[in-house]
Amino acid sequence: MKGDKIKFADNVIDIIDHLESDLWKLKKLLRDRRHLKGQKKAFRSVREYEFCGMWKDRADMEGLSSAEWLAKLRKEQWSRS
């Protein structure tokens, strides 16, 4: 009976140690976040990325909306001839 109480106490101490460690990590994260809070993250416009407009000069898309072009492509590729 006494051994069970000691094992229980050891388990509780292990749990408390683990919680204390996690609390210290959380405290550090919050402190770092508070430090960075004043700094604004620079967001780039989608138009600044390389992929934007990569199809703008395609001859097969000329005069068609993306939905129209896709419908045409599907008709050509999926139709049975």
N, C-alpha and C. Protein backbone atom coordinates (compact mmCIF):
# COMPACT_ATOMS: atom_id res chain seq x y z
N MET A 1 0.83 -1.20 0.00
CA MET A 1 0.00 0.00 0.00
C MET A 1 0.87 1.26 0.00
N LYS A 2 1.91 1.23 0.83
CA LYS A 2 2.78 2.39 0.92
C LYS A 2 3.55 2.60 -0.39
N GLY A 3 3.93 1.48 -1.04
CA GLY A 3 4.63 1.55 -2.31
C GLY A 3 3.78 2.18 -3.40
N ASP A 4 2.48 1.89 -3.38
CA ASP A 4 1.56 2.47 -4.36
C ASP A 4 1.49 3.99 -4.20
N LYS A 5 1.48 4.45 -2.95
CA LYS A 5 1.43 5.89 -2.69
C LYS A 5 2.70 6.57 -3.20
N ILE A 6 3.82 5.91 -3.02
CA ILE A 6 5.09 6.48 -3.48
C ILE A 6 5.12 6.55 -5.02
N LYS A 7 4.65 5.49 -5.68
CA LYS A 7 4.60 5.49 -7.14
C LYS A 7 3.66 6.59 -7.64
N PHE A 8 2.53 6.74 -6.97
CA PHE A 8 1.58 7.78 -7.33
C PHE A 8 2.22 9.16 -7.18
N ALA A 9 2.90 9.37 -6.06
CA ALA A 9 3.55 10.66 -5.81
C ALA A 9 4.63 10.93 -6.87
N ASP A 10 5.37 9.89 -7.24
CA ASP A 10 6.40 10.06 -8.27
C ASP A 10 5.77 10.43 -9.61
N ASN A 11 4.65 9.80 -9.93
CA ASN A 11 3.95 10.12 -11.18
C ASN A 11 3.44 11.56 -11.18
N VAL A 12 2.93 11.98 -10.05
CA VAL A 12 2.43 13.36 -9.93
C VAL A 12 3.58 14.34 -10.10
N ILE A 13 4.71 14.04 -9.50
CA ILE A 13 5.88 14.92 -9.62
C ILE A 13 6.34 14.98 -11.07
N ASP A 14 6.33 13.83 -11.76
CA ASP A 14 6.71 13.82 -13.19
C ASP A 14 5.75 14.67 -14.01
N ILE A 15 4.47 14.56 -13.73
CA ILE A 15 3.47 15.36 -14.45
C ILE A 15 3.68 16.84 -14.19
N ILE A 16 3.93 17.20 -12.95
CA ILE A 16 4.16 18.61 -12.60
C ILE A 16 5.42 19.13 -13.28
N ASP A 17 6.48 18.31 -13.30
CA ASP A 17 7.71 18.72 -13.99
C ASP A 17 7.45 18.96 -15.48
N HIS A 18 6.67 18.08 -16.08
CA HIS A 18 6.33 18.22 -17.50
C HIS A 18 5.51 19.49 -17.73
N LEU A 19 4.53 19.74 -16.88
CA LEU A 19 3.72 20.95 -17.00
C LEU A 19 4.56 22.21 -16.83
N GLU A 20 5.46 22.15 -15.87
CA GLU A 20 6.33 23.31 -15.63
C GLU A 20 7.19 23.60 -16.86
N SER A 21 7.72 22.55 -17.46
CA SER A 21 8.51 22.72 -18.68
C SER A 21 7.68 23.32 -19.80
N ASP A 22 6.47 22.81 -19.99
CA ASP A 22 5.58 23.34 -21.03
C ASP A 22 5.20 24.80 -20.75
N LEU A 23 4.99 25.13 -19.48
CA LEU A 23 4.65 26.51 -19.13
C LEU A 23 5.80 27.46 -19.43
N TRP A 24 7.03 27.03 -19.19
CA TRP A 24 8.19 27.86 -19.49
C TRP A 24 8.31 28.08 -21.00
N LYS A 25 8.06 27.02 -21.77
CA LYS A 25 8.10 27.16 -23.24
C LYS A 25 7.02 28.12 -23.71
N LEU A 26 5.83 28.00 -23.16
CA LEU A 26 4.72 28.88 -23.52
C LEU A 26 5.04 30.33 -23.15
N LYS A 27 5.61 30.51 -21.98
CA LYS A 27 5.96 31.85 -21.52
C LYS A 27 6.98 32.48 -22.48
N LYS A 28 7.96 31.69 -22.92
CA LYS A 28 8.96 32.20 -23.86
C LYS A 28 8.31 32.56 -25.19
N LEU A 29 7.41 31.69 -25.67
CA LEU A 29 6.72 31.99 -26.92
C LEU A 29 5.93 33.29 -26.84
N LEU A 30 5.22 33.46 -25.74
CA LEU A 30 4.43 34.68 -25.56
C LEU A 30 5.31 35.92 -25.47
N ARG A 31 6.43 35.77 -24.79
CA ARG A 31 7.36 36.90 -24.65
C ARG A 31 7.93 37.27 -26.03
N ASP A 32 8.31 36.25 -26.81
CA ASP A 32 8.84 36.51 -28.16
C ASP A 32 7.77 37.14 -29.05
N ARG A 33 6.55 36.64 -28.93
CA ARG A 33 5.46 37.18 -29.75
C ARG A 33 5.16 38.63 -29.39
N ARG A 34 5.20 38.92 -28.10
CA ARG A 34 4.96 40.29 -27.65
C ARG A 34 6.04 41.22 -28.20
N HIS A 35 7.27 40.71 -28.26
CA HIS A 35 8.39 41.49 -28.79
C HIS A 35 8.19 41.77 -30.28
N LEU A 36 7.67 40.78 -31.02
CA LEU A 36 7.49 40.92 -32.46
C LEU A 36 6.19 41.62 -32.82
N LYS A 37 5.33 41.82 -31.86
CA LYS A 37 4.00 42.37 -32.13
C LYS A 37 4.08 43.75 -32.78
N GLY A 38 5.06 44.54 -32.42
CA GLY A 38 5.20 45.88 -32.97
C GLY A 38 5.65 45.87 -34.42
N GLN A 39 6.24 44.77 -34.87
CA GLN A 39 6.72 44.69 -36.24
C GLN A 39 5.62 44.16 -37.15
N LYS A 40 5.38 44.87 -38.24
CA LYS A 40 4.36 44.43 -39.18
C LYS A 40 4.99 43.54 -40.23
N LYS A 41 4.25 42.50 -40.61
CA LYS A 41 4.71 41.59 -41.64
C LYS A 41 4.36 42.21 -42.99
N ALA A 42 5.34 42.24 -43.87
CA ALA A 42 5.11 42.82 -45.19
C ALA A 42 4.43 41.79 -46.09
N PHE A 43 3.25 42.13 -46.57
CA PHE A 43 2.53 41.25 -47.48
C PHE A 43 2.74 41.74 -48.91
N ARG A 44 3.00 40.79 -49.79
CA ARG A 44 3.18 41.11 -51.19
C ARG A 44 1.86 40.93 -51.92
N SER A 45 1.66 41.75 -52.92
CA SER A 45 0.49 41.60 -53.77
C SER A 45 0.66 40.33 -54.59
N VAL A 46 -0.44 39.68 -54.92
CA VAL A 46 -0.40 38.48 -55.75
C VAL A 46 0.26 38.79 -57.09
N ARG A 47 0.05 39.97 -57.58
CA ARG A 47 0.61 40.35 -58.87
C ARG A 47 2.14 40.41 -58.87
N GLU A 48 2.76 40.44 -57.72
CA GLU A 48 4.21 40.48 -57.63
C GLU A 48 4.85 39.09 -57.76
N TYR A 49 4.06 38.04 -57.63
CA TYR A 49 4.60 36.69 -57.74
C TYR A 49 4.81 36.32 -59.21
N GLU A 50 5.79 35.45 -59.44
CA GLU A 50 6.17 35.08 -60.80
C GLU A 50 5.05 34.38 -61.56
N PHE A 51 4.23 33.60 -60.88
CA PHE A 51 3.20 32.83 -61.57
C PHE A 51 2.05 33.68 -62.09
N CYS A 52 1.90 34.86 -61.56
CA CYS A 52 0.78 35.71 -61.96
C CYS A 52 0.99 36.18 -63.41
N GLY A 53 0.04 35.91 -64.25
CA GLY A 53 0.10 36.34 -65.64
C GLY A 53 0.92 35.44 -66.54
N MET A 54 1.25 34.25 -66.09
CA MET A 54 2.12 33.38 -66.90
C MET A 54 1.44 32.88 -68.16
N TRP A 55 0.11 32.99 -68.24
CA TRP A 55 -0.60 32.55 -69.43
C TRP A 55 -1.13 33.72 -70.26
N LYS A 56 -0.75 34.91 -69.94
CA LYS A 56 -1.35 36.08 -70.59
C LYS A 56 -1.06 36.15 -72.09
N ASP A 57 0.03 35.57 -72.55
CA ASP A 57 0.39 35.66 -73.96
C ASP A 57 0.07 34.41 -74.76
N ARG A 58 -0.73 33.53 -74.24
CA ARG A 58 -1.06 32.29 -74.95
C ARG A 58 -2.07 32.57 -76.05
N ALA A 59 -1.76 32.14 -77.26
CA ALA A 59 -2.62 32.38 -78.41
C ALA A 59 -3.95 31.62 -78.29
N ASP A 60 -3.91 30.42 -77.71
CA ASP A 60 -5.14 29.62 -77.62
C ASP A 60 -6.13 30.16 -76.59
N MET A 61 -5.72 31.12 -75.78
CA MET A 61 -6.62 31.70 -74.79
C MET A 61 -7.12 33.08 -75.22
N GLU A 62 -6.62 33.56 -76.33
CA GLU A 62 -6.94 34.91 -76.76
C GLU A 62 -8.44 35.09 -76.99
N GLY A 63 -9.02 36.09 -76.37
CA GLY A 63 -10.43 36.41 -76.53
C GLY A 63 -11.37 35.55 -75.70
N LEU A 64 -10.84 34.64 -74.91
CA LEU A 64 -11.69 33.75 -74.09
C LEU A 64 -11.47 34.03 -72.61
N SER A 65 -12.55 33.91 -71.85
CA SER A 65 -12.39 33.95 -70.40
C SER A 65 -11.81 32.61 -69.96
N SER A 66 -11.35 32.51 -68.75
CA SER A 66 -10.78 31.24 -68.28
C SER A 66 -11.81 30.13 -68.29
N ALA A 67 -13.08 30.47 -67.99
CA ALA A 67 -14.15 29.46 -68.00
C ALA A 67 -14.43 28.99 -69.43
N GLU A 68 -14.44 29.93 -70.38
CA GLU A 68 -14.68 29.57 -71.78
C GLU A 68 -13.54 28.71 -72.32
N TRP A 69 -12.30 29.11 -72.01
CA TRP A 69 -11.13 28.36 -72.46
C TRP A 69 -11.14 26.95 -71.90
N LEU A 70 -11.50 26.82 -70.62
CA LEU A 70 -11.55 25.50 -69.99
C LEU A 70 -12.64 24.64 -70.61
N ALA A 71 -13.80 25.22 -70.90
CA ALA A 71 -14.89 24.48 -71.55
C ALA A 71 -14.44 23.99 -72.93
N LYS A 72 -13.75 24.85 -73.67
CA LYS A 72 -13.24 24.47 -74.99
C LYS A 72 -12.22 23.34 -74.87
N LEU A 73 -11.32 23.47 -73.93
CA LEU A 73 -10.30 22.44 -73.72
C LEU A 73 -10.94 21.10 -73.35
N ARG A 74 -11.91 21.13 -72.47
CA ARG A 74 -12.60 19.89 -72.07
C ARG A 74 -13.32 19.26 -73.26
N LYS A 75 -13.96 20.10 -74.04
CA LYS A 75 -14.69 19.59 -75.22
C LYS A 75 -13.73 18.90 -76.18
N GLU A 76 -12.58 19.52 -76.40
CA GLU A 76 -11.59 18.98 -77.32
C GLU A 76 -10.96 17.69 -76.76
N GLN A 77 -10.65 17.68 -75.48
CA GLN A 77 -9.92 16.56 -74.90
C GLN A 77 -10.82 15.39 -74.51
N TRP A 78 -12.05 15.67 -74.11
CA TRP A 78 -12.91 14.64 -73.56
C TRP A 78 -13.95 14.11 -74.53
N SER A 79 -14.13 14.79 -75.65
CA SER A 79 -15.16 14.32 -76.57
C SER A 79 -14.68 13.08 -77.32
N ARG A 80 -15.63 12.24 -77.67
CA ARG A 80 -15.30 11.03 -78.41
C ARG A 80 -15.51 11.30 -79.89
N SER A 81 -14.52 11.02 -80.66
CA SER A 81 -14.63 11.26 -82.11
C SER A 81 -14.60 9.96 -82.87
